[in-house]
mmCIF file of all heavy atoms, coordinates in Angstrom:
data_MODEL
# 
_entry.id   MODEL 
# 
loop_
_atom_site.group_PDB 
_atom_site.id 
_atom_site.type_symbol 
_atom_site.label_atom_id 
_atom_site.label_alt_id 
_atom_site.label_comp_id 
_atom_site.label_asym_id 
_atom_site.label_entity_id 
_atom_site.label_seq_id 
_atom_site.pdbx_PDB_ins_code 
_atom_site.Cartn_x 
_atom_site.Cartn_y 
_atom_site.Cartn_z 
_atom_site.occupancy 
_atom_site.B_iso_or_equiv 
_atom_site.pdbx_formal_charge 
_atom_site.auth_seq_id 
_atom_site.auth_comp_id 
_atom_site.auth_asym_id 
_atom_site.auth_atom_id 
_atom_site.pdbx_PDB_model_num 
ATOM 1   N N   . VAL A 1 1  ? 24.720 -12.832 -43.794 1.00 0.00 ? 1  VAL A N   1 
ATOM 2   C CA  . VAL A 1 1  ? 24.711 -14.339 -44.172 1.00 0.00 ? 1  VAL A CA  1 
ATOM 3   C C   . VAL A 1 1  ? 24.993 -15.313 -42.884 1.00 0.00 ? 1  VAL A C   1 
ATOM 4   O O   . VAL A 1 1  ? 24.330 -16.217 -42.734 1.00 0.00 ? 1  VAL A O   1 
ATOM 5   C CB  . VAL A 1 1  ? 25.673 -14.528 -45.259 1.00 0.00 ? 1  VAL A CB  1 
ATOM 6   C CG1 . VAL A 1 1  ? 25.855 -16.067 -45.602 1.00 0.00 ? 1  VAL A CG1 1 
ATOM 7   C CG2 . VAL A 1 1  ? 25.254 -13.852 -46.580 1.00 0.00 ? 1  VAL A CG2 1 
ATOM 8   N N   . THR A 1 2  ? 25.912 -14.799 -42.101 1.00 0.00 ? 2  THR A N   1 
ATOM 9   C CA  . THR A 1 2  ? 26.393 -15.576 -41.002 1.00 0.00 ? 2  THR A CA  1 
ATOM 10  C C   . THR A 1 2  ? 25.823 -15.185 -39.570 1.00 0.00 ? 2  THR A C   1 
ATOM 11  O O   . THR A 1 2  ? 25.819 -16.044 -38.667 1.00 0.00 ? 2  THR A O   1 
ATOM 12  C CB  . THR A 1 2  ? 27.915 -15.619 -40.974 1.00 0.00 ? 2  THR A CB  1 
ATOM 13  O OG1 . THR A 1 2  ? 28.342 -14.303 -40.747 1.00 0.00 ? 2  THR A OG1 1 
ATOM 14  C CG2 . THR A 1 2  ? 28.502 -16.248 -42.167 1.00 0.00 ? 2  THR A CG2 1 
ATOM 15  N N   . VAL A 1 3  ? 25.284 -13.997 -39.372 1.00 0.00 ? 3  VAL A N   1 
ATOM 16  C CA  . VAL A 1 3  ? 24.681 -13.584 -38.167 1.00 0.00 ? 3  VAL A CA  1 
ATOM 17  C C   . VAL A 1 3  ? 23.445 -12.692 -38.451 1.00 0.00 ? 3  VAL A C   1 
ATOM 18  O O   . VAL A 1 3  ? 23.347 -12.224 -39.468 1.00 0.00 ? 3  VAL A O   1 
ATOM 19  C CB  . VAL A 1 3  ? 25.721 -12.736 -37.270 1.00 0.00 ? 3  VAL A CB  1 
ATOM 20  C CG1 . VAL A 1 3  ? 26.885 -13.640 -36.947 1.00 0.00 ? 3  VAL A CG1 1 
ATOM 21  C CG2 . VAL A 1 3  ? 26.197 -11.514 -38.135 1.00 0.00 ? 3  VAL A CG2 1 
ATOM 22  N N   . ASN A 1 4  ? 22.618 -12.716 -37.433 1.00 0.00 ? 4  ASN A N   1 
ATOM 23  C CA  . ASN A 1 4  ? 21.457 -11.810 -37.643 1.00 0.00 ? 4  ASN A CA  1 
ATOM 24  C C   . ASN A 1 4  ? 21.750 -10.373 -37.205 1.00 0.00 ? 4  ASN A C   1 
ATOM 25  O O   . ASN A 1 4  ? 22.816 -10.088 -36.708 1.00 0.00 ? 4  ASN A O   1 
ATOM 26  C CB  . ASN A 1 4  ? 20.152 -12.367 -36.919 1.00 0.00 ? 4  ASN A CB  1 
ATOM 27  C CG  . ASN A 1 4  ? 20.279 -12.272 -35.449 1.00 0.00 ? 4  ASN A CG  1 
ATOM 28  O OD1 . ASN A 1 4  ? 20.659 -11.154 -34.837 1.00 0.00 ? 4  ASN A OD1 1 
ATOM 29  N ND2 . ASN A 1 4  ? 20.029 -13.434 -34.773 1.00 0.00 ? 4  ASN A ND2 1 
ATOM 30  N N   . ALA A 1 5  ? 20.780 -9.442  -37.486 1.00 0.00 ? 5  ALA A N   1 
ATOM 31  C CA  . ALA A 1 5  ? 21.070 -8.046  -37.230 1.00 0.00 ? 5  ALA A CA  1 
ATOM 32  C C   . ALA A 1 5  ? 21.398 -7.672  -35.869 1.00 0.00 ? 5  ALA A C   1 
ATOM 33  O O   . ALA A 1 5  ? 21.955 -6.538  -35.636 1.00 0.00 ? 5  ALA A O   1 
ATOM 34  C CB  . ALA A 1 5  ? 19.936 -7.277  -37.871 1.00 0.00 ? 5  ALA A CB  1 
ATOM 35  N N   . HIS A 1 6  ? 20.935 -8.471  -34.900 1.00 0.00 ? 6  HIS A N   1 
ATOM 36  C CA  . HIS A 1 6  ? 21.077 -8.065  -33.483 1.00 0.00 ? 6  HIS A CA  1 
ATOM 37  C C   . HIS A 1 6  ? 22.074 -8.743  -32.713 1.00 0.00 ? 6  HIS A C   1 
ATOM 38  O O   . HIS A 1 6  ? 22.279 -8.595  -31.531 1.00 0.00 ? 6  HIS A O   1 
ATOM 39  C CB  . HIS A 1 6  ? 19.637 -8.156  -32.780 1.00 0.00 ? 6  HIS A CB  1 
ATOM 40  C CG  . HIS A 1 6  ? 18.616 -7.179  -33.353 1.00 0.00 ? 6  HIS A CG  1 
ATOM 41  N ND1 . HIS A 1 6  ? 17.882 -7.431  -34.364 1.00 0.00 ? 6  HIS A ND1 1 
ATOM 42  C CD2 . HIS A 1 6  ? 18.320 -6.002  -32.804 1.00 0.00 ? 6  HIS A CD2 1 
ATOM 43  C CE1 . HIS A 1 6  ? 17.034 -6.394  -34.551 1.00 0.00 ? 6  HIS A CE1 1 
ATOM 44  N NE2 . HIS A 1 6  ? 17.295 -5.522  -33.647 1.00 0.00 ? 6  HIS A NE2 1 
ATOM 45  N N   . GLU A 1 7  ? 22.884 -9.559  -33.379 1.00 0.00 ? 7  GLU A N   1 
ATOM 46  C CA  . GLU A 1 7  ? 23.846 -10.395 -32.568 1.00 0.00 ? 7  GLU A CA  1 
ATOM 47  C C   . GLU A 1 7  ? 24.865 -9.487  -31.851 1.00 0.00 ? 7  GLU A C   1 
ATOM 48  O O   . GLU A 1 7  ? 25.214 -9.688  -30.761 1.00 0.00 ? 7  GLU A O   1 
ATOM 49  C CB  . GLU A 1 7  ? 24.628 -11.218 -33.524 1.00 0.00 ? 7  GLU A CB  1 
ATOM 50  C CG  . GLU A 1 7  ? 23.834 -12.428 -34.018 1.00 0.00 ? 7  GLU A CG  1 
ATOM 51  C CD  . GLU A 1 7  ? 23.836 -13.611 -33.081 1.00 0.00 ? 7  GLU A CD  1 
ATOM 52  O OE1 . GLU A 1 7  ? 24.429 -13.537 -31.950 1.00 0.00 ? 7  GLU A OE1 1 
ATOM 53  O OE2 . GLU A 1 7  ? 23.090 -14.634 -33.357 1.00 0.00 ? 7  GLU A OE2 1 
ATOM 54  N N   . ALA A 1 8  ? 25.306 -8.471  -32.625 1.00 0.00 ? 8  ALA A N   1 
ATOM 55  C CA  . ALA A 1 8  ? 26.345 -7.550  -32.072 1.00 0.00 ? 8  ALA A CA  1 
ATOM 56  C C   . ALA A 1 8  ? 25.935 -6.800  -30.832 1.00 0.00 ? 8  ALA A C   1 
ATOM 57  O O   . ALA A 1 8  ? 26.612 -6.579  -29.903 1.00 0.00 ? 8  ALA A O   1 
ATOM 58  C CB  . ALA A 1 8  ? 26.831 -6.616  -33.252 1.00 0.00 ? 8  ALA A CB  1 
ATOM 59  N N   . ILE A 1 9  ? 24.670 -6.275  -30.935 1.00 0.00 ? 9  ILE A N   1 
ATOM 60  C CA  . ILE A 1 9  ? 24.140 -5.486  -29.892 1.00 0.00 ? 9  ILE A CA  1 
ATOM 61  C C   . ILE A 1 9  ? 23.857 -6.310  -28.651 1.00 0.00 ? 9  ILE A C   1 
ATOM 62  O O   . ILE A 1 9  ? 24.071 -5.887  -27.506 1.00 0.00 ? 9  ILE A O   1 
ATOM 63  C CB  . ILE A 1 9  ? 22.989 -4.570  -30.296 1.00 0.00 ? 9  ILE A CB  1 
ATOM 64  C CG1 . ILE A 1 9  ? 22.832 -3.490  -29.300 1.00 0.00 ? 9  ILE A CG1 1 
ATOM 65  C CG2 . ILE A 1 9  ? 21.713 -5.433  -30.355 1.00 0.00 ? 9  ILE A CG2 1 
ATOM 66  C CD1 . ILE A 1 9  ? 23.757 -2.402  -29.357 1.00 0.00 ? 9  ILE A CD1 1 
ATOM 67  N N   . ILE A 1 10 ? 23.364 -7.517  -28.803 1.00 0.00 ? 10 ILE A N   1 
ATOM 68  C CA  . ILE A 1 10 ? 23.240 -8.466  -27.667 1.00 0.00 ? 10 ILE A CA  1 
ATOM 69  C C   . ILE A 1 10 ? 24.527 -8.721  -27.006 1.00 0.00 ? 10 ILE A C   1 
ATOM 70  O O   . ILE A 1 10 ? 24.662 -8.732  -25.806 1.00 0.00 ? 10 ILE A O   1 
ATOM 71  C CB  . ILE A 1 10 ? 22.679 -9.722  -28.188 1.00 0.00 ? 10 ILE A CB  1 
ATOM 72  C CG1 . ILE A 1 10 ? 21.195 -9.543  -28.658 1.00 0.00 ? 10 ILE A CG1 1 
ATOM 73  C CG2 . ILE A 1 10 ? 22.779 -10.844 -27.129 1.00 0.00 ? 10 ILE A CG2 1 
ATOM 74  C CD1 . ILE A 1 10 ? 20.623 -10.666 -29.394 1.00 0.00 ? 10 ILE A CD1 1 
ATOM 75  N N   . ARG A 1 11 ? 25.621 -8.897  -27.842 1.00 0.00 ? 11 ARG A N   1 
ATOM 76  C CA  . ARG A 1 11 ? 27.002 -9.157  -27.269 1.00 0.00 ? 11 ARG A CA  1 
ATOM 77  C C   . ARG A 1 11 ? 27.417 -7.843  -26.484 1.00 0.00 ? 11 ARG A C   1 
ATOM 78  O O   . ARG A 1 11 ? 27.859 -8.000  -25.419 1.00 0.00 ? 11 ARG A O   1 
ATOM 79  C CB  . ARG A 1 11 ? 27.930 -9.394  -28.370 1.00 0.00 ? 11 ARG A CB  1 
ATOM 80  C CG  . ARG A 1 11 ? 29.534 -9.415  -27.953 1.00 0.00 ? 11 ARG A CG  1 
ATOM 81  C CD  . ARG A 1 11 ? 29.655 -10.607 -27.041 1.00 0.00 ? 11 ARG A CD  1 
ATOM 82  N NE  . ARG A 1 11 ? 31.122 -10.696 -26.794 1.00 0.00 ? 11 ARG A NE  1 
ATOM 83  C CZ  . ARG A 1 11 ? 31.518 -11.416 -25.749 1.00 0.00 ? 11 ARG A CZ  1 
ATOM 84  N NH1 . ARG A 1 11 ? 30.811 -12.208 -25.079 1.00 0.00 ? 11 ARG A NH1 1 
ATOM 85  N NH2 . ARG A 1 11 ? 32.911 -11.434 -25.404 1.00 0.00 ? 11 ARG A NH2 1 
ATOM 86  N N   . LEU A 1 12 ? 27.229 -6.656  -27.082 1.00 0.00 ? 12 LEU A N   1 
ATOM 87  C CA  . LEU A 1 12 ? 27.653 -5.416  -26.418 1.00 0.00 ? 12 LEU A CA  1 
ATOM 88  C C   . LEU A 1 12 ? 26.880 -5.232  -25.082 1.00 0.00 ? 12 LEU A C   1 
ATOM 89  O O   . LEU A 1 12 ? 27.476 -4.960  -24.062 1.00 0.00 ? 12 LEU A O   1 
ATOM 90  C CB  . LEU A 1 12 ? 27.366 -4.214  -27.248 1.00 0.00 ? 12 LEU A CB  1 
ATOM 91  C CG  . LEU A 1 12 ? 27.806 -2.936  -26.662 1.00 0.00 ? 12 LEU A CG  1 
ATOM 92  C CD1 . LEU A 1 12 ? 29.264 -2.874  -26.373 1.00 0.00 ? 12 LEU A CD1 1 
ATOM 93  C CD2 . LEU A 1 12 ? 27.435 -1.709  -27.521 1.00 0.00 ? 12 LEU A CD2 1 
ATOM 94  N N   . ARG A 1 13 ? 25.539 -5.421  -25.043 1.00 0.00 ? 13 ARG A N   1 
ATOM 95  C CA  . ARG A 1 13 ? 24.823 -5.340  -23.826 1.00 0.00 ? 13 ARG A CA  1 
ATOM 96  C C   . ARG A 1 13 ? 25.337 -6.212  -22.725 1.00 0.00 ? 13 ARG A C   1 
ATOM 97  O O   . ARG A 1 13 ? 25.405 -5.916  -21.595 1.00 0.00 ? 13 ARG A O   1 
ATOM 98  C CB  . ARG A 1 13 ? 23.312 -5.532  -24.132 1.00 0.00 ? 13 ARG A CB  1 
ATOM 99  C CG  . ARG A 1 13 ? 22.589 -4.509  -24.868 1.00 0.00 ? 13 ARG A CG  1 
ATOM 100 C CD  . ARG A 1 13 ? 21.157 -4.714  -24.980 1.00 0.00 ? 13 ARG A CD  1 
ATOM 101 N NE  . ARG A 1 13 ? 20.505 -4.012  -26.075 1.00 0.00 ? 13 ARG A NE  1 
ATOM 102 C CZ  . ARG A 1 13 ? 20.075 -2.729  -25.843 1.00 0.00 ? 13 ARG A CZ  1 
ATOM 103 N NH1 . ARG A 1 13 ? 20.163 -2.209  -24.617 1.00 0.00 ? 13 ARG A NH1 1 
ATOM 104 N NH2 . ARG A 1 13 ? 19.422 -2.081  -26.726 1.00 0.00 ? 13 ARG A NH2 1 
ATOM 105 N N   . GLY A 1 14 ? 25.663 -7.390  -23.109 1.00 0.00 ? 14 GLY A N   1 
ATOM 106 C CA  . GLY A 1 14 ? 26.223 -8.408  -22.132 1.00 0.00 ? 14 GLY A CA  1 
ATOM 107 C C   . GLY A 1 14 ? 27.542 -7.978  -21.680 1.00 0.00 ? 14 GLY A C   1 
ATOM 108 O O   . GLY A 1 14 ? 27.719 -8.060  -20.416 1.00 0.00 ? 14 GLY A O   1 
ATOM 109 N N   . LEU A 1 15 ? 28.369 -7.377  -22.409 1.00 0.00 ? 15 LEU A N   1 
ATOM 110 C CA  . LEU A 1 15 ? 29.688 -6.819  -21.871 1.00 0.00 ? 15 LEU A CA  1 
ATOM 111 C C   . LEU A 1 15 ? 29.475 -5.687  -20.936 1.00 0.00 ? 15 LEU A C   1 
ATOM 112 O O   . LEU A 1 15 ? 30.155 -5.534  -19.922 1.00 0.00 ? 15 LEU A O   1 
ATOM 113 C CB  . LEU A 1 15 ? 30.559 -6.424  -23.043 1.00 0.00 ? 15 LEU A CB  1 
ATOM 114 C CG  . LEU A 1 15 ? 31.082 -7.509  -24.057 1.00 0.00 ? 15 LEU A CG  1 
ATOM 115 C CD1 . LEU A 1 15 ? 31.735 -6.863  -25.319 1.00 0.00 ? 15 LEU A CD1 1 
ATOM 116 C CD2 . LEU A 1 15 ? 32.072 -8.350  -23.299 1.00 0.00 ? 15 LEU A CD2 1 
ATOM 117 N N   . LEU A 1 16 ? 28.548 -4.857  -21.221 1.00 0.00 ? 16 LEU A N   1 
ATOM 118 C CA  . LEU A 1 16 ? 28.309 -3.659  -20.544 1.00 0.00 ? 16 LEU A CA  1 
ATOM 119 C C   . LEU A 1 16 ? 27.781 -3.950  -19.082 1.00 0.00 ? 16 LEU A C   1 
ATOM 120 O O   . LEU A 1 16 ? 27.908 -3.023  -18.158 1.00 0.00 ? 16 LEU A O   1 
ATOM 121 C CB  . LEU A 1 16 ? 27.303 -2.724  -21.206 1.00 0.00 ? 16 LEU A CB  1 
ATOM 122 C CG  . LEU A 1 16 ? 27.766 -2.031  -22.541 1.00 0.00 ? 16 LEU A CG  1 
ATOM 123 C CD1 . LEU A 1 16 ? 26.778 -1.235  -23.121 1.00 0.00 ? 16 LEU A CD1 1 
ATOM 124 C CD2 . LEU A 1 16 ? 29.106 -1.336  -22.348 1.00 0.00 ? 16 LEU A CD2 1 
ATOM 125 N N   . ALA A 1 17 ? 27.234 -5.061  -18.932 1.00 0.00 ? 17 ALA A N   1 
ATOM 126 C CA  . ALA A 1 17 ? 26.818 -5.467  -17.548 1.00 0.00 ? 17 ALA A CA  1 
ATOM 127 C C   . ALA A 1 17 ? 27.825 -5.329  -16.488 1.00 0.00 ? 17 ALA A C   1 
ATOM 128 O O   . ALA A 1 17 ? 27.502 -5.100  -15.260 1.00 0.00 ? 17 ALA A O   1 
ATOM 129 C CB  . ALA A 1 17 ? 26.057 -6.815  -17.631 1.00 0.00 ? 17 ALA A CB  1 
ATOM 130 N N   . THR A 1 18 ? 29.072 -5.596  -16.866 1.00 0.00 ? 18 THR A N   1 
ATOM 131 C CA  . THR A 1 18 ? 30.151 -5.610  -15.951 1.00 0.00 ? 18 THR A CA  1 
ATOM 132 C C   . THR A 1 18 ? 31.329 -4.687  -16.335 1.00 0.00 ? 18 THR A C   1 
ATOM 133 O O   . THR A 1 18 ? 32.249 -4.675  -15.596 1.00 0.00 ? 18 THR A O   1 
ATOM 134 C CB  . THR A 1 18 ? 30.658 -7.018  -15.771 1.00 0.00 ? 18 THR A CB  1 
ATOM 135 O OG1 . THR A 1 18 ? 31.147 -7.542  -17.010 1.00 0.00 ? 18 THR A OG1 1 
ATOM 136 C CG2 . THR A 1 18 ? 29.693 -7.997  -15.163 1.00 0.00 ? 18 THR A CG2 1 
ATOM 137 N N   . ASP A 1 19 ? 31.194 -3.974  -17.445 1.00 0.00 ? 19 ASP A N   1 
ATOM 138 C CA  . ASP A 1 19 ? 32.342 -3.250  -17.998 1.00 0.00 ? 19 ASP A CA  1 
ATOM 139 C C   . ASP A 1 19 ? 32.404 -1.769  -17.181 1.00 0.00 ? 19 ASP A C   1 
ATOM 140 O O   . ASP A 1 19 ? 31.283 -1.172  -17.246 1.00 0.00 ? 19 ASP A O   1 
ATOM 141 C CB  . ASP A 1 19 ? 32.277 -3.055  -19.363 1.00 0.00 ? 19 ASP A CB  1 
ATOM 142 C CG  . ASP A 1 19 ? 33.556 -2.584  -20.059 1.00 0.00 ? 19 ASP A CG  1 
ATOM 143 O OD1 . ASP A 1 19 ? 33.903 -1.445  -19.828 1.00 0.00 ? 19 ASP A OD1 1 
ATOM 144 O OD2 . ASP A 1 19 ? 34.137 -3.348  -20.735 1.00 0.00 ? 19 ASP A OD2 1 
ATOM 145 N N   . PRO A 1 20 ? 33.432 -1.385  -16.759 1.00 0.00 ? 20 PRO A N   1 
ATOM 146 C CA  . PRO A 1 20 ? 33.552 -0.049  -16.219 1.00 0.00 ? 20 PRO A CA  1 
ATOM 147 C C   . PRO A 1 20 ? 33.243 1.170   -17.115 1.00 0.00 ? 20 PRO A C   1 
ATOM 148 O O   . PRO A 1 20 ? 33.106 2.228   -16.648 1.00 0.00 ? 20 PRO A O   1 
ATOM 149 C CB  . PRO A 1 20 ? 34.883 0.076   -15.460 1.00 0.00 ? 20 PRO A CB  1 
ATOM 150 C CG  . PRO A 1 20 ? 35.801 -0.991  -16.275 1.00 0.00 ? 20 PRO A CG  1 
ATOM 151 C CD  . PRO A 1 20 ? 34.794 -2.041  -16.650 1.00 0.00 ? 20 PRO A CD  1 
ATOM 152 N N   . ARG A 1 21 ? 33.368 0.915   -18.416 1.00 0.00 ? 21 ARG A N   1 
ATOM 153 C CA  . ARG A 1 21 ? 33.228 1.927   -19.359 1.00 0.00 ? 21 ARG A CA  1 
ATOM 154 C C   . ARG A 1 21 ? 31.688 2.066   -19.738 1.00 0.00 ? 21 ARG A C   1 
ATOM 155 O O   . ARG A 1 21 ? 31.307 3.015   -20.501 1.00 0.00 ? 21 ARG A O   1 
ATOM 156 C CB  . ARG A 1 21 ? 33.966 1.665   -20.680 1.00 0.00 ? 21 ARG A CB  1 
ATOM 157 C CG  . ARG A 1 21 ? 35.458 1.594   -20.384 1.00 0.00 ? 21 ARG A CG  1 
ATOM 158 C CD  . ARG A 1 21 ? 36.277 0.846   -21.516 1.00 0.00 ? 21 ARG A CD  1 
ATOM 159 N NE  . ARG A 1 21 ? 35.990 -0.512  -21.628 1.00 0.00 ? 21 ARG A NE  1 
ATOM 160 C CZ  . ARG A 1 21 ? 36.662 -1.334  -22.242 1.00 0.00 ? 21 ARG A CZ  1 
ATOM 161 N NH1 . ARG A 1 21 ? 37.742 -0.977  -22.958 1.00 0.00 ? 21 ARG A NH1 1 
ATOM 162 N NH2 . ARG A 1 21 ? 36.440 -2.630  -22.303 1.00 0.00 ? 21 ARG A NH2 1 
ATOM 163 N N   . ALA A 1 22 ? 30.868 1.280   -19.178 1.00 0.00 ? 22 ALA A N   1 
ATOM 164 C CA  . ALA A 1 22 ? 29.427 1.326   -19.428 1.00 0.00 ? 22 ALA A CA  1 
ATOM 165 C C   . ALA A 1 22 ? 28.679 2.584   -19.277 1.00 0.00 ? 22 ALA A C   1 
ATOM 166 O O   . ALA A 1 22 ? 27.765 2.970   -20.098 1.00 0.00 ? 22 ALA A O   1 
ATOM 167 C CB  . ALA A 1 22 ? 28.730 0.296   -18.744 1.00 0.00 ? 22 ALA A CB  1 
ATOM 168 N N   . PRO A 1 23 ? 29.081 3.520   -18.376 1.00 0.00 ? 23 PRO A N   1 
ATOM 169 C CA  . PRO A 1 23 ? 28.328 4.704   -18.119 1.00 0.00 ? 23 PRO A CA  1 
ATOM 170 C C   . PRO A 1 23 ? 28.334 5.630   -19.303 1.00 0.00 ? 23 PRO A C   1 
ATOM 171 O O   . PRO A 1 23 ? 27.405 6.535   -19.479 1.00 0.00 ? 23 PRO A O   1 
ATOM 172 C CB  . PRO A 1 23 ? 28.937 5.262   -16.894 1.00 0.00 ? 23 PRO A CB  1 
ATOM 173 C CG  . PRO A 1 23 ? 29.387 4.177   -16.180 1.00 0.00 ? 23 PRO A CG  1 
ATOM 174 C CD  . PRO A 1 23 ? 29.899 3.283   -17.174 1.00 0.00 ? 23 PRO A CD  1 
ATOM 175 N N   . GLY A 1 24 ? 29.380 5.571   -20.203 1.00 0.00 ? 24 GLY A N   1 
ATOM 176 C CA  . GLY A 1 24 ? 29.534 6.485   -21.209 1.00 0.00 ? 24 GLY A CA  1 
ATOM 177 C C   . GLY A 1 24 ? 28.962 5.904   -22.482 1.00 0.00 ? 24 GLY A C   1 
ATOM 178 O O   . GLY A 1 24 ? 28.948 6.636   -23.578 1.00 0.00 ? 24 GLY A O   1 
# 
């Protein structure tokens, strides 16, 4: 109702650009 299906993964991909945990 309040967000579309891809909002969460877009947010995660943005975080992974600089997050040291991204390789896993």
